Amino acid sequence: MGRWGRGYKHLPAPRRNAGVLSTLDDNPRWGYTLLNVTPMISGSMATNKKLTPPPQQELLREAMVQLGMTREEFATRISVSRRTLDKWLLPNESSDFRALPDMGRAYIQEILAWNAKRA
């Protein structure tokens, strides 16, 4: 046995937890190992369609409308320059277009959620 005892041998094999089916395999060296994680969807709400996020231009414009801000105010609110915001708002085909980082998208969605709770 080592300093840490028997490791994770006390964990039960396949189990369902928080909507996820996990399969555990007995690994002789490290105890149980997670082999595969499959999301479990049940009920009439399950669909085969993937929800795609709105294009960044649509998200940004909708956020400015919901918050009642100008481009300058919105750029200040999300801590970027006005020029950066303008490049995010350009069409994808434009040579000056820049993609909105995932963290920026998450931050804007968090601001909108917080604003919705306040209202």
PDB file of N, CA and C in Angstrom:
ATOM      1  N   MET A   1       0.857  -1.180   0.000  1.00  0.00           N
ATOM      2  CA  MET A   1       0.000   0.000   0.000  1.00  0.00           C
ATOM      3  C   MET A   1       0.883   1.215   0.000  1.00  0.00           C
ATOM      4  N   GLY A   2       0.833   2.211  -0.271  1.00  0.00           N
ATOM      5  CA  GLY A   2       1.765   3.310  -0.225  1.00  0.00           C
ATOM      6  C   GLY A   2       1.326   4.336   0.781  1.00  0.00           C
ATOM      7  N   ARG A   3       1.932   5.438   0.708  1.00  0.00           N
ATOM      8  CA  ARG A   3       1.647   6.536   1.623  1.00  0.00           C
ATOM      9  C   ARG A   3       0.179   6.949   1.593  1.00  0.00           C
ATOM     10  N   TRP A   4      -0.441   6.877   0.425  1.00  0.00           N
ATOM     11  CA  TRP A   4      -1.819   7.367   0.268  1.00  0.00           C
ATOM     12  C   TRP A   4      -2.861   6.258   0.366  1.00  0.00           C
ATOM     13  N   GLY A   5      -2.474   5.076   0.757  1.00  0.00           N
ATOM     14  CA  GLY A   5      -3.455   4.009   0.936  1.00  0.00           C
ATOM     15  C   GLY A   5      -3.792   3.345  -0.383  1.00  0.00           C
ATOM     16  N   ARG A   6      -5.036   2.981  -0.551  1.00  0.00           N
ATOM     17  CA  ARG A   6      -5.462   2.197  -1.695  1.00  0.00           C
ATOM     18  C   ARG A   6      -5.852   3.048  -2.902  1.00  0.00           C
ATOM     19  N   GLY A   7      -5.641   4.313  -2.885  1.00  0.00           N
ATOM     20  CA  GLY A   7      -5.986   5.144  -4.038  1.00  0.00           C
ATOM     21  C   GLY A   7      -7.483   5.310  -4.185  1.00  0.00           C
ATOM     22  N   TYR A   8      -7.984   5.145  -5.409  1.00  0.00           N
ATOM     23  CA  TYR A   8      -9.401   5.362  -5.685  1.00  0.00           C
ATOM     24  C   TYR A   8     -10.170   4.060  -5.849  1.00  0.00           C
ATOM     25  N   LYS A   9      -9.670   2.979  -5.301  1.00  0.00           N
ATOM     26  CA  LYS A   9     -10.317   1.672  -5.446  1.00  0.00           C
ATOM     27  C   LYS A   9     -11.708   1.654  -4.818  1.00  0.00           C
ATOM     28  N   HIS A  10     -11.976   2.571  -3.917  1.00  0.00           N
ATOM     29  CA  HIS A  10     -13.263   2.576  -3.240  1.00  0.00           C
ATOM     30  C   HIS A  10     -14.404   3.110  -4.103  1.00  0.00           C
ATOM     31  N   LEU A  11     -14.089   3.704  -5.277  1.00  0.00           N
ATOM     32  CA  LEU A  11     -15.136   4.233  -6.147  1.00  0.00           C
ATOM     33  C   LEU A  11     -15.903   3.107  -6.829  1.00  0.00           C
ATOM     34  N   PRO A  12     -17.216   3.222  -6.912  1.00  0.00           N
ATOM     35  CA  PRO A  12     -17.985   2.186  -7.616  1.00  0.00           C
ATOM     36  C   PRO A  12     -17.745   2.275  -9.119  1.00  0.00           C
ATOM     37  N   ALA A  13     -17.922   1.165  -9.833  1.00  0.00           N
ATOM     38  CA  ALA A  13     -17.785   1.163 -11.288  1.00  0.00           C
ATOM     39  C   ALA A  13     -18.959   1.922 -11.903  1.00  0.00           C
ATOM     40  N   PRO A  14     -19.353   1.714 -13.157  1.00  0.00           N
ATOM     41  CA  PRO A  14     -20.222   2.655 -13.864  1.00  0.00           C
ATOM     42  C   PRO A  14     -21.310   3.281 -12.993  1.00  0.00           C
ATOM     43  N   ARG A  15     -21.429   4.595 -13.106  1.00  0.00           N
ATOM     44  CA  ARG A  15     -22.421   5.316 -12.325  1.00  0.00           C
ATOM     45  C   ARG A  15     -22.949   6.491 -13.131  1.00  0.00           C
ATOM     46  N   ARG A  16     -24.086   6.988 -12.719  1.00  0.00           N
ATOM     47  CA  ARG A  16     -24.676   8.153 -13.363  1.00  0.00           C
ATOM     48  C   ARG A  16     -24.621   9.291 -12.373  1.00  0.00           C
ATOM     49  N   ASN A  17     -24.066  10.389 -12.819  1.00  0.00           N
ATOM     50  CA  ASN A  17     -23.896  11.547 -11.941  1.00  0.00           C
ATOM     51  C   ASN A  17     -24.180  12.811 -12.721  1.00  0.00           C
ATOM     52  N   ALA A  18     -25.076  13.635 -12.250  1.00  0.00           N
ATOM     53  CA  ALA A  18     -25.358  14.949 -12.833  1.00  0.00           C
ATOM     54  C   ALA A  18     -25.544  14.899 -14.342  1.00  0.00           C
ATOM     55  N   GLY A  19     -26.306  13.901 -14.816  1.00  0.00           N
ATOM     56  CA  GLY A  19     -26.605  13.844 -16.232  1.00  0.00           C
ATOM     57  C   GLY A  19     -25.471  13.330 -17.095  1.00  0.00           C
ATOM     58  N   VAL A  20     -24.468  12.698 -16.479  1.00  0.00           N
ATOM     59  CA  VAL A  20     -23.333  12.185 -17.243  1.00  0.00           C
ATOM     60  C   VAL A  20     -23.121  10.730 -16.867  1.00  0.00           C
ATOM     61  N   LEU A  21     -22.994   9.872 -17.862  1.00  0.00           N
ATOM     62  CA  LEU A  21     -22.683   8.471 -17.622  1.00  0.00           C
ATOM     63  C   LEU A  21     -21.181   8.313 -17.748  1.00  0.00           C
ATOM     64  N   SER A  22     -20.544   7.855 -16.693  1.00  0.00           N
ATOM     65  CA  SER A  22     -19.096   7.677 -16.762  1.00  0.00           C
ATOM     66  C   SER A  22     -18.759   6.210 -16.584  1.00  0.00           C
ATOM     67  N   THR A  23     -17.829   5.724 -17.360  1.00  0.00           N
ATOM     68  CA  THR A  23     -17.385   4.348 -17.281  1.00  0.00           C
ATOM     69  C   THR A  23     -16.001   4.351 -16.672  1.00  0.00           C
ATOM     70  N   LEU A  24     -15.823   3.613 -15.614  1.00  0.00           N
ATOM     71  CA  LEU A  24     -14.536   3.559 -14.930  1.00  0.00           C
ATOM     72  C   LEU A  24     -13.881   2.219 -15.184  1.00  0.00           C
ATOM     73  N   ASP A  25     -12.593   2.198 -15.376  1.00  0.00           N
ATOM     74  CA  ASP A  25     -11.846   0.982 -15.633  1.00  0.00           C
ATOM     75  C   ASP A  25     -10.814   0.823 -14.525  1.00  0.00           C
ATOM     76  N   ASP A  26     -10.631  -0.403 -14.069  1.00  0.00           N
ATOM     77  CA  ASP A  26      -9.670  -0.667 -13.005  1.00  0.00           C
ATOM     78  C   ASP A  26      -8.253  -0.655 -13.577  1.00  0.00           C
ATOM     79  N   ASN A  27      -7.503   0.360 -13.242  1.00  0.00           N
ATOM     80  CA  ASN A  27      -6.118   0.487 -13.672  1.00  0.00           C
ATOM     81  C   ASN A  27      -5.257   0.030 -12.495  1.00  0.00           C
ATOM     82  N   PRO A  28      -4.457  -1.022 -12.649  1.00  0.00           N
ATOM     83  CA  PRO A  28      -3.713  -1.564 -11.511  1.00  0.00           C
ATOM     84  C   PRO A  28      -2.745  -0.580 -10.871  1.00  0.00           C
ATOM     85  N   ARG A  29      -2.235   0.362 -11.628  1.00  0.00           N
ATOM     86  CA  ARG A  29      -1.255   1.282 -11.061  1.00  0.00           C
ATOM     87  C   ARG A  29      -1.894   2.487 -10.391  1.00  0.00           C
ATOM     88  N   TRP A  30      -2.904   3.067 -11.005  1.00  0.00           N
ATOM     89  CA  TRP A  30      -3.460   4.313 -10.515  1.00  0.00           C
ATOM     90  C   TRP A  30      -4.870   4.196  -9.956  1.00  0.00           C
ATOM     91  N   GLY A  31      -5.406   3.021  -9.851  1.00  0.00           N
ATOM     92  CA  GLY A  31      -6.789   2.894  -9.377  1.00  0.00           C
ATOM     93  C   GLY A  31      -7.728   3.025 -10.559  1.00  0.00           C
ATOM     94  N   TYR A  32      -8.875   3.589 -10.353  1.00  0.00           N
ATOM     95  CA  TYR A  32      -9.856   3.703 -11.424  1.00  0.00           C
ATOM     96  C   TYR A  32      -9.520   4.844 -12.379  1.00  0.00           C
ATOM     97  N   THR A  33      -9.762   4.629 -13.658  1.00  0.00           N
ATOM     98  CA  THR A  33      -9.491   5.619 -14.693  1.00  0.00           C
ATOM     99  C   THR A  33     -10.779   5.907 -15.445  1.00  0.00           C
ATOM    100  N   LEU A  34     -11.047   7.151 -15.710  1.00  0.00           N
ATOM    101  CA  LEU A  34     -12.225   7.526 -16.469  1.00  0.00           C
ATOM    102  C   LEU A  34     -11.970   7.201 -17.941  1.00  0.00           C
ATOM    103  N   LEU A  35     -12.804   6.315 -18.513  1.00  0.00           N
ATOM    104  CA  LEU A  35     -12.626   5.912 -19.898  1.00  0.00           C
ATOM    105  C   LEU A  35     -13.404   6.774 -20.874  1.00  0.00           C
ATOM    106  N   ASN A  36     -14.650   7.073 -20.530  1.00  0.00           N
ATOM    107  CA  ASN A  36     -15.464   7.780 -21.498  1.00  0.00           C
ATOM    108  C   ASN A  36     -16.555   8.536 -20.764  1.00  0.00           C
ATOM    109  N   VAL A  37     -16.889   9.700 -21.253  1.00  0.00           N
ATOM    110  CA  VAL A  37     -17.939  10.511 -20.657  1.00  0.00           C
ATOM    111  C   VAL A  37     -18.936  10.831 -21.760  1.00  0.00           C
ATOM    112  N   THR A  38     -20.191  10.439 -21.547  1.00  0.00           N
ATOM    113  CA  THR A  38     -21.226  10.646 -22.549  1.00  0.00           C
ATOM    114  C   THR A  38     -22.357  11.453 -21.946  1.00  0.00           C
ATOM    115  N   PRO A  39     -22.717  12.600 -22.531  1.00  0.00           N
ATOM    116  CA  PRO A  39     -23.855  13.337 -21.995  1.00  0.00           C
ATOM    117  C   PRO A  39     -25.131  12.539 -22.204  1.00  0.00           C
ATOM    118  N   MET A  40     -25.983  12.535 -21.209  1.00  0.00           N
ATOM    119  CA  MET A  40     -27.242  11.806 -21.285  1.00  0.00           C
ATOM    120  C   MET A  40     -28.373  12.803 -21.499  1.00  0.00           C
ATOM    121  N   ILE A  41     -29.096  12.648 -22.586  1.00  0.00           N
ATOM    122  CA  ILE A  41     -30.213  13.525 -22.900  1.00  0.00           C
ATOM    123  C   ILE A  41     -31.467  12.681 -22.904  1.00  0.00           C
ATOM    124  N   SER A  42     -32.479  13.136 -22.191  1.00  0.00           N
ATOM    125  CA  SER A  42     -33.718  12.386 -22.156  1.00  0.00           C
ATOM    126  C   SER A  42     -34.892  13.329 -22.267  1.00  0.00           C
ATOM    127  N   GLY A  43     -36.050  12.768 -22.556  1.00  0.00           N
ATOM    128  CA  GLY A  43     -37.270  13.569 -22.622  1.00  0.00           C
ATOM    129  C   GLY A  43     -37.496  14.159 -23.991  1.00  0.00           C
ATOM    130  N   SER A  44     -38.557  14.927 -24.104  1.00  0.00           N
ATOM    131  CA  SER A  44     -38.951  15.483 -25.398  1.00  0.00           C
ATOM    132  C   SER A  44     -38.085  16.661 -25.813  1.00  0.00           C
ATOM    133  N   MET A  45     -37.264  17.193 -24.920  1.00  0.00           N
ATOM    134  CA  MET A  45     -36.424  18.346 -25.227  1.00  0.00           C
ATOM    135  C   MET A  45     -35.190  17.952 -26.034  1.00  0.00           C
ATOM    136  N   ALA A  46     -34.882  16.664 -26.094  1.00  0.00           N
ATOM    137  CA  ALA A  46     -33.684  16.222 -26.798  1.00  0.00           C
ATOM    138  C   ALA A  46     -33.858  16.394 -28.300  1.00  0.00           C
ATOM    139  N   THR A  47     -32.850  16.995 -28.930  1.00  0.00           N
ATOM    140  CA  THR A  47     -32.866  17.164 -30.385  1.00  0.00           C
ATOM    141  C   THR A  47     -31.496  16.820 -30.928  1.00  0.00           C
ATOM    142  N   ASN A  48     -31.438  16.604 -32.214  1.00  0.00           N
ATOM    143  CA  ASN A  48     -30.159  16.323 -32.845  1.00  0.00           C
ATOM    144  C   ASN A  48     -29.480  17.600 -33.316  1.00  0.00           C
ATOM    145  N   LYS A  49     -30.167  18.722 -33.252  1.00  0.00           N
ATOM    146  CA  LYS A  49     -29.606  19.994 -33.701  1.00  0.00           C
ATOM    147  C   LYS A  49     -28.641  20.534 -32.671  1.00  0.00           C
ATOM    148  N   LYS A  50     -27.546  21.085 -33.155  1.00  0.00           N
ATOM    149  CA  LYS A  50     -26.626  21.798 -32.280  1.00  0.00           C
ATOM    150  C   LYS A  50     -27.017  23.262 -32.286  1.00  0.00           C
ATOM    151  N   LEU A  51     -27.093  23.858 -31.127  1.00  0.00           N
ATOM    152  CA  LEU A  51     -27.399  25.275 -31.057  1.00  0.00           C
ATOM    153  C   LEU A  51     -26.141  26.050 -31.401  1.00  0.00           C
ATOM    154  N   THR A  52     -26.236  26.873 -32.421  1.00  0.00           N
ATOM    155  CA  THR A  52     -25.076  27.661 -32.808  1.00  0.00           C
ATOM    156  C   THR A  52     -25.228  29.064 -32.251  1.00  0.00           C
ATOM    157  N   PRO A  53     -24.155  29.597 -31.721  1.00  0.00           N
ATOM    158  CA  PRO A  53     -24.231  30.954 -31.190  1.00  0.00           C
ATOM    159  C   PRO A  53     -24.447  31.944 -32.333  1.00  0.00           C
ATOM    160  N   PRO A  54     -25.042  33.083 -32.032  1.00  0.00           N
ATOM    161  CA  PRO A  54     -25.250  34.077 -33.092  1.00  0.00           C
ATOM    162  C   PRO A  54     -23.905  34.607 -33.583  1.00  0.00           C
ATOM    163  N   PRO A  55     -23.879  35.100 -34.824  1.00  0.00           N
ATOM    164  CA  PRO A  55     -22.630  35.704 -35.312  1.00  0.00           C
ATOM    165  C   PRO A  55     -22.204  36.837 -34.386  1.00  0.00           C
ATOM    166  N   GLN A  56     -20.907  37.075 -34.330  1.00  0.00           N
ATOM    167  CA  GLN A  56     -20.404  38.071 -33.378  1.00  0.00           C
ATOM    168  C   GLN A  56     -20.986  39.448 -33.629  1.00  0.00           C
ATOM    169  N   GLN A  57     -21.206  39.801 -34.881  1.00  0.00           N
ATOM    170  CA  GLN A  57     -21.766  41.123 -35.180  1.00  0.00           C
ATOM    171  C   GLN A  57     -23.165  41.257 -34.593  1.00  0.00           C
ATOM    172  N   GLU A  58     -23.956  40.195 -34.728  1.00  0.00           N
ATOM    173  CA  GLU A  58     -25.316  40.205 -34.187  1.00  0.00           C
ATOM    174  C   GLU A  58     -25.300  40.291 -32.658  1.00  0.00           C
ATOM    175  N   LEU A  59     -24.414  39.522 -32.036  1.00  0.00           N
ATOM    176  CA  LEU A  59     -24.290  39.550 -30.576  1.00  0.00           C
ATOM    177  C   LEU A  59     -23.909  40.947 -30.091  1.00  0.00           C
ATOM    178  N   LEU A  60     -22.933  41.559 -30.733  1.00  0.00           N
ATOM    179  CA  LEU A  60     -22.468  42.879 -30.314  1.00  0.00           C
ATOM    180  C   LEU A  60     -23.547  43.947 -30.498  1.00  0.00           C
ATOM    181  N   ARG A  61     -24.213  43.918 -31.644  1.00  0.00           N
ATOM    182  CA  ARG A  61     -25.268  44.918 -31.893  1.00  0.00           C
ATOM    183  C   ARG A  61     -26.429  44.740 -30.923  1.00  0.00           C
ATOM    184  N   GLU A  62     -26.828  43.501 -30.694  1.00  0.00           N
ATOM    185  CA  GLU A  62     -27.929  43.227 -29.757  1.00  0.00           C
ATOM    186  C   GLU A  62     -27.544  43.659 -28.338  1.00  0.00           C
ATOM    187  N   ALA A  63     -26.305  43.430 -27.955  1.00  0.00           N
ATOM    188  CA  ALA A  63     -25.843  43.841 -26.626  1.00  0.00           C
ATOM    189  C   ALA A  63     -25.902  45.355 -26.472  1.00  0.00           C
ATOM    190  N   MET A  64     -25.468  46.081 -27.505  1.00  0.00           N
ATOM    191  CA  MET A  64     -25.510  47.547 -27.433  1.00  0.00           C
ATOM    192  C   MET A  64     -26.950  48.049 -27.326  1.00  0.00           C
ATOM    193  N   VAL A  65     -27.858  47.397 -28.050  1.00  0.00           N
ATOM    194  CA  VAL A  65     -29.274  47.794 -27.989  1.00  0.00           C
ATOM    195  C   VAL A  65     -29.844  47.511 -26.602  1.00  0.00           C
ATOM    196  N   GLN A  66     -29.622  46.292 -26.094  1.00  0.00           N
ATOM    197  CA  GLN A  66     -30.164  45.919 -24.779  1.00  0.00           C
ATOM    198  C   GLN A  66     -29.617  46.799 -23.663  1.00  0.00           C
ATOM    199  N   LEU A  67     -28.366  47.181 -23.764  1.00  0.00           N
ATOM    200  CA  LEU A  67     -27.748  48.009 -22.728  1.00  0.00           C
ATOM    201  C   LEU A  67     -27.981  49.499 -22.957  1.00  0.00           C
ATOM    202  N   GLY A  68     -28.494  49.844 -24.144  1.00  0.00           N
ATOM    203  CA  GLY A  68     -28.756  51.244 -24.463  1.00  0.00           C
ATOM    204  C   GLY A  68     -27.483  52.068 -24.535  1.00  0.00           C
ATOM    205  N   MET A  69     -26.444  51.503 -25.147  1.00  0.00           N
ATOM    206  CA  MET A  69     -25.146  52.175 -25.206  1.00  0.00           C
ATOM    207  C   MET A  69     -24.752  52.477 -26.641  1.00  0.00           C
ATOM    208  N   THR A  70     -23.953  53.518 -26.802  1.00  0.00           N
ATOM    209  CA  THR A  70     -23.340  53.818 -28.093  1.00  0.00           C
ATOM    210  C   THR A  70     -22.126  52.907 -28.255  1.00  0.00           C
ATOM    211  N   ARG A  71     -21.527  52.934 -29.436  1.00  0.00           N
ATOM    212  CA  ARG A  71     -20.316  52.126 -29.654  1.00  0.00           C
ATOM    213  C   ARG A  71     -19.206  52.534 -28.692  1.00  0.00           C
ATOM    214  N   GLU A  72     -19.038  53.822 -28.503  1.00  0.00           N
ATOM    215  CA  GLU A  72     -17.985  54.327 -27.605  1.00  0.00           C
ATOM    216  C   GLU A  72     -18.225  53.852 -26.172  1.00  0.00           C
ATOM    217  N   GLU A  73     -19.458  53.973 -25.689  1.00  0.00           N
ATOM    218  CA  GLU A  73     -19.789  53.551 -24.319  1.00  0.00           C
ATOM    219  C   GLU A  73     -19.624  52.044 -24.154  1.00  0.00           C
ATOM    220  N   PHE A  74     -20.067  51.290 -25.153  1.00  0.00           N
ATOM    221  CA  PHE A  74     -19.971  49.831 -25.074  1.00  0.00           C
ATOM    222  C   PHE A  74     -18.513  49.381 -25.090  1.00  0.00           C
ATOM    223  N   ALA A  75     -17.701  50.006 -25.940  1.00  0.00           N
ATOM    224  CA  ALA A  75     -16.268  49.665 -25.988  1.00  0.00           C
ATOM    225  C   ALA A  75     -15.617  49.921 -24.630  1.00  0.00           C
ATOM    226  N   THR A  76     -15.975  51.034 -24.010  1.00  0.00           N
ATOM    227  CA  THR A  76     -15.439  51.348 -22.681  1.00  0.00           C
ATOM    228  C   THR A  76     -15.914  50.311 -21.664  1.00  0.00           C
ATOM    229  N   ARG A  77     -17.176  49.910 -21.761  1.00  0.00           N
ATOM    230  CA  ARG A  77     -17.758  48.944 -20.808  1.00  0.00           C
ATOM    231  C   ARG A  77     -17.057  47.592 -20.860  1.00  0.00           C
ATOM    232  N   ILE A  78     -16.680  47.155 -22.076  1.00  0.00           N
ATOM    233  CA  ILE A  78     -16.018  45.847 -22.197  1.00  0.00           C
ATOM    234  C   ILE A  78     -14.489  45.980 -22.250  1.00  0.00           C
ATOM    235  N   SER A  79     -13.997  47.183 -21.985  1.00  0.00           N
ATOM    236  CA  SER A  79     -12.552  47.454 -21.855  1.00  0.00           C
ATOM    237  C   SER A  79     -11.756  47.171 -23.116  1.00  0.00           C
ATOM    238  N   VAL A  80     -12.277  47.615 -24.260  1.00  0.00           N
ATOM    239  CA  VAL A  80     -11.526  47.541 -25.509  1.00  0.00           C
ATOM    240  C   VAL A  80     -11.581  48.911 -26.166  1.00  0.00           C
ATOM    241  N   SER A  81     -10.724  49.120 -27.151  1.00  0.00           N
ATOM    242  CA  SER A  81     -10.755  50.401 -27.864  1.00  0.00           C
ATOM    243  C   SER A  81     -11.937  50.425 -28.831  1.00  0.00           C
ATOM    244  N   ARG A  82     -12.329  51.599 -29.203  1.00  0.00           N
ATOM    245  CA  ARG A  82     -13.424  51.762 -30.163  1.00  0.00           C
ATOM    246  C   ARG A  82     -13.044  51.101 -31.484  1.00  0.00           C
ATOM    247  N   ARG A  83     -11.785  51.215 -31.872  1.00  0.00           N
ATOM    248  CA  ARG A  83     -11.323  50.617 -33.125  1.00  0.00           C
ATOM    249  C   ARG A  83     -11.449  49.090 -33.111  1.00  0.00           C
ATOM    250  N   THR A  84     -11.130  48.467 -31.980  1.00  0.00           N
ATOM    251  CA  THR A  84     -11.271  47.013 -31.853  1.00  0.00           C
ATOM    252  C   THR A  84     -12.729  46.614 -32.014  1.00  0.00           C
ATOM    253  N   LEU A  85     -13.622  47.334 -31.340  1.00  0.00           N
ATOM    254  CA  LEU A  85     -15.052  47.043 -31.456  1.00  0.00           C
ATOM    255  C   LEU A  85     -15.504  47.203 -32.911  1.00  0.00           C
ATOM    256  N   ASP A  86     -15.044  48.245 -33.578  1.00  0.00           N
ATOM    257  CA  ASP A  86     -15.402  48.460 -34.981  1.00  0.00           C
ATOM    258  C   ASP A  86     -14.940  47.291 -35.861  1.00  0.00           C
ATOM    259  N   LYS A  87     -13.755  46.748 -35.592  1.00  0.00           N
ATOM    260  CA  LYS A  87     -13.241  45.617 -36.377  1.00  0.00           C
ATOM    261  C   LYS A  87     -14.051  44.355 -36.109  1.00  0.00           C
ATOM    262  N   TRP A  88     -14.536  44.187 -34.885  1.00  0.00           N
ATOM    263  CA  TRP A  88     -15.390  43.043 -34.566  1.00  0.00           C
ATOM    264  C   TRP A  88     -16.741  43.151 -35.267  1.00  0.00           C
ATOM    265  N   LEU A  89     -17.195  44.369 -35.518  1.00  0.00           N
ATOM    266  CA  LEU A  89     -18.493  44.592 -36.148  1.00  0.00           C
ATOM    267  C   LEU A  89     -18.450  44.510 -37.676  1.00  0.00           C
ATOM    268  N   LEU A  90     -17.265  44.475 -38.258  1.00  0.00           N
ATOM    269  CA  LEU A  90     -17.151  44.377 -39.711  1.00  0.00           C
ATOM    270  C   LEU A  90     -17.633  43.011 -40.206  1.00  0.00           C
ATOM    271  N   PRO A  91     -18.082  42.930 -41.473  1.00  0.00           N
ATOM    272  CA  PRO A  91     -18.459  41.632 -42.040  1.00  0.00           C
ATOM    273  C   PRO A  91     -17.255  40.694 -42.088  1.00  0.00           C
ATOM    274  N   ASN A  92     -17.523  39.400 -42.007  1.00  0.00           N
ATOM    275  CA  ASN A  92     -16.449  38.394 -42.009  1.00  0.00           C
ATOM    276  C   ASN A  92     -15.568  38.480 -43.250  1.00  0.00           C
ATOM    277  N   GLU A  93     -16.131  38.924 -44.366  1.00  0.00           N
ATOM    278  CA  GLU A  93     -15.395  38.974 -45.625  1.00  0.00           C
ATOM    279  C   GLU A  93     -14.441  40.163 -45.701  1.00  0.00           C
ATOM    280  N   SER A  94     -14.572  41.108 -44.815  1.00  0.00           N
ATOM    281  CA  SER A  94     -13.740  42.319 -44.847  1.00  0.00           C
ATOM    282  C   SER A  94     -12.285  41.974 -44.526  1.00  0.00           C
ATOM    283  N   SER A  95     -11.372  42.688 -45.167  1.00  0.00           N
ATOM    284  CA  SER A  95      -9.939  42.436 -44.929  1.00  0.00           C
ATOM    285  C   SER A  95      -9.503  42.934 -43.550  1.00  0.00           C
ATOM    286  N   ASP A  96     -10.280  43.833 -42.946  1.00  0.00           N
ATOM    287  CA  ASP A  96      -9.947  44.379 -41.631  1.00  0.00           C
ATOM    288  C   ASP A  96     -10.682  43.670 -40.489  1.00  0.00           C
ATOM    289  N   PHE A  97     -11.485  42.656 -40.827  1.00  0.00           N
ATOM    290  CA  PHE A  97     -12.274  41.915 -39.833  1.00  0.00           C
ATOM    291  C   PHE A  97     -11.366  41.222 -38.815  1.00  0.00           C
ATOM    292  N   ARG A  98     -11.782  41.233 -37.557  1.00  0.00           N
ATOM    293  CA  ARG A  98     -11.095  40.496 -36.493  1.00  0.00           C
ATOM    294  C   ARG A  98     -12.126  39.682 -35.737  1.00  0.00           C
ATOM    295  N   ALA A  99     -11.788  38.451 -35.399  1.00  0.00           N
ATOM    296  CA  ALA A  99     -12.704  37.567 -34.671  1.00  0.00           C
ATOM    297  C   ALA A  99     -12.764  37.968 -33.204  1.00  0.00           C
ATOM    298  N   LEU A 100     -13.957  37.897 -32.661  1.00  0.00           N
ATOM    299  CA  LEU A 100     -14.179  38.163 -31.237  1.00  0.00           C
ATOM    300  C   LEU A 100     -13.668  36.961 -30.444  1.00  0.00           C
ATOM    301  N   PRO A 101     -12.754  37.137 -29.500  1.00  0.00           N
ATOM    302  CA  PRO A 101     -12.259  36.001 -28.705  1.00  0.00           C
ATOM    303  C   PRO A 101     -13.399  35.360 -27.897  1.00  0.00           C
ATOM    304  N   ASP A 102     -13.280  34.062 -27.647  1.00  0.00           N
ATOM    305  CA  ASP A 102     -14.304  33.348 -26.875  1.00  0.00           C
ATOM    306  C   ASP A 102     -14.501  33.980 -25.502  1.00  0.00           C
ATOM    307  N   MET A 103     -13.424  34.432 -24.894  1.00  0.00           N
ATOM    308  CA  MET A 103     -13.535  35.054 -23.582  1.00  0.00           C
ATOM    309  C   MET A 103     -14.351  36.354 -23.673  1.00  0.00           C
ATOM    310  N   GLY A 104     -14.155  37.093 -24.752  1.00  0.00           N
ATOM    311  CA  GLY A 104     -14.920  38.318 -24.962  1.00  0.00           C
ATOM    312  C   GLY A 104     -16.397  38.020 -25.128  1.00  0.00           C
ATOM    313  N   ARG A 105     -16.713  36.971 -25.895  1.00  0.00           N
ATOM    314  CA  ARG A 105     -18.110  36.554 -26.081  1.00  0.00           C
ATOM    315  C   ARG A 105     -18.732  36.174 -24.739  1.00  0.00           C
ATOM    316  N   ALA A 106     -18.004  35.399 -23.944  1.00  0.00           N
ATOM    317  CA  ALA A 106     -18.516  34.979 -22.632  1.00  0.00           C
ATOM    318  C   ALA A 106     -18.730  36.187 -21.720  1.00  0.00           C
ATOM    319  N   TYR A 107     -17.814  37.142 -21.768  1.00  0.00           N
ATOM    320  CA  TYR A 107     -17.923  38.339 -20.933  1.00  0.00           C
ATOM    321  C   TYR A 107     -19.157  39.160 -21.319  1.00  0.00           C
ATOM    322  N   ILE A 108     -19.383  39.324 -22.606  1.00  0.00           N
ATOM    323  CA  ILE A 108     -20.548  40.079 -23.069  1.00  0.00           C
ATOM    324  C   ILE A 108     -21.837  39.367 -22.671  1.00  0.00           C
ATOM    325  N   GLN A 109     -21.877  38.049 -22.816  1.00  0.00           N
ATOM    326  CA  GLN A 109     -23.069  37.295 -22.425  1.00  0.00           C
ATOM    327  C   GLN A 109     -23.305  37.397 -20.917  1.00  0.00           C
ATOM    328  N   GLU A 110     -22.234  37.427 -20.135  1.00  0.00           N
ATOM    329  CA  GLU A 110     -22.366  37.587 -18.687  1.00  0.00           C
ATOM    330  C   GLU A 110     -22.921  38.975 -18.342  1.00  0.00           C
ATOM    331  N   ILE A 111     -22.463  39.993 -19.035  1.00  0.00           N
ATOM    332  CA  ILE A 111     -22.971  41.354 -18.822  1.00  0.00           C
ATOM    333  C   ILE A 111     -24.463  41.401 -19.133  1.00  0.00           C
ATOM    334  N   LEU A 112     -24.864  40.769 -20.245  1.00  0.00           N
ATOM    335  CA  LEU A 112     -26.278  40.760 -20.620  1.00  0.00           C
ATOM    336  C   LEU A 112     -27.131  40.009 -19.600  1.00  0.00           C
ATOM    337  N   ALA A 113     -26.627  38.889 -19.105  1.00  0.00           N
ATOM    338  CA  ALA A 113     -27.356  38.114 -18.096  1.00  0.00           C
ATOM    339  C   ALA A 113     -27.498  38.931 -16.809  1.00  0.00           C
ATOM    340  N   TRP A 114     -26.427  39.596 -16.402  1.00  0.00           N
ATOM    341  CA  TRP A 114     -26.469  40.416 -15.194  1.00  0.00           C
ATOM    342  C   TRP A 114     -27.450  41.569 -15.367  1.00  0.00           C
ATOM    343  N   ASN A 115     -27.447  42.188 -16.543  1.00  0.00           N
ATOM    344  CA  ASN A 115     -28.352  43.296 -16.825  1.00  0.00           C
ATOM    345  C   ASN A 115     -29.811  42.830 -16.826  1.00  0.00           C
ATOM    346  N   ALA A 116     -30.062  41.616 -17.332  1.00  0.00           N
ATOM    347  CA  ALA A 116     -31.421  41.072 -17.360  1.00  0.00           C
ATOM    348  C   ALA A 116     -31.925  40.815 -15.934  1.00  0.00           C
ATOM    349  N   LYS A 117     -31.044  40.355 -15.054  1.00  0.00           N
ATOM    350  CA  LYS A 117     -31.444  40.119 -13.649  1.00  0.00           C
ATOM    351  C   LYS A 117     -31.786  41.427 -12.946  1.00  0.00           C
ATOM    352  N   ARG A 118     -31.036  42.470 -13.283  1.00  0.00           N
ATOM    353  CA  ARG A 118     -31.272  43.779 -12.657  1.00  0.00           C
ATOM    354  C   ARG A 118     -32.593  44.394 -13.077  1.00  0.00           C
ATOM    355  N   ALA A 119     -32.996  44.135 -14.306  1.00  0.00           N
ATOM    356  CA  ALA A 119     -34.195  44.776 -14.849  1.00  0.00           C
ATOM    357  C   ALA A 119     -35.477  44.198 -14.293  1.00  0.00           C
TER     358      ALA A 119
END
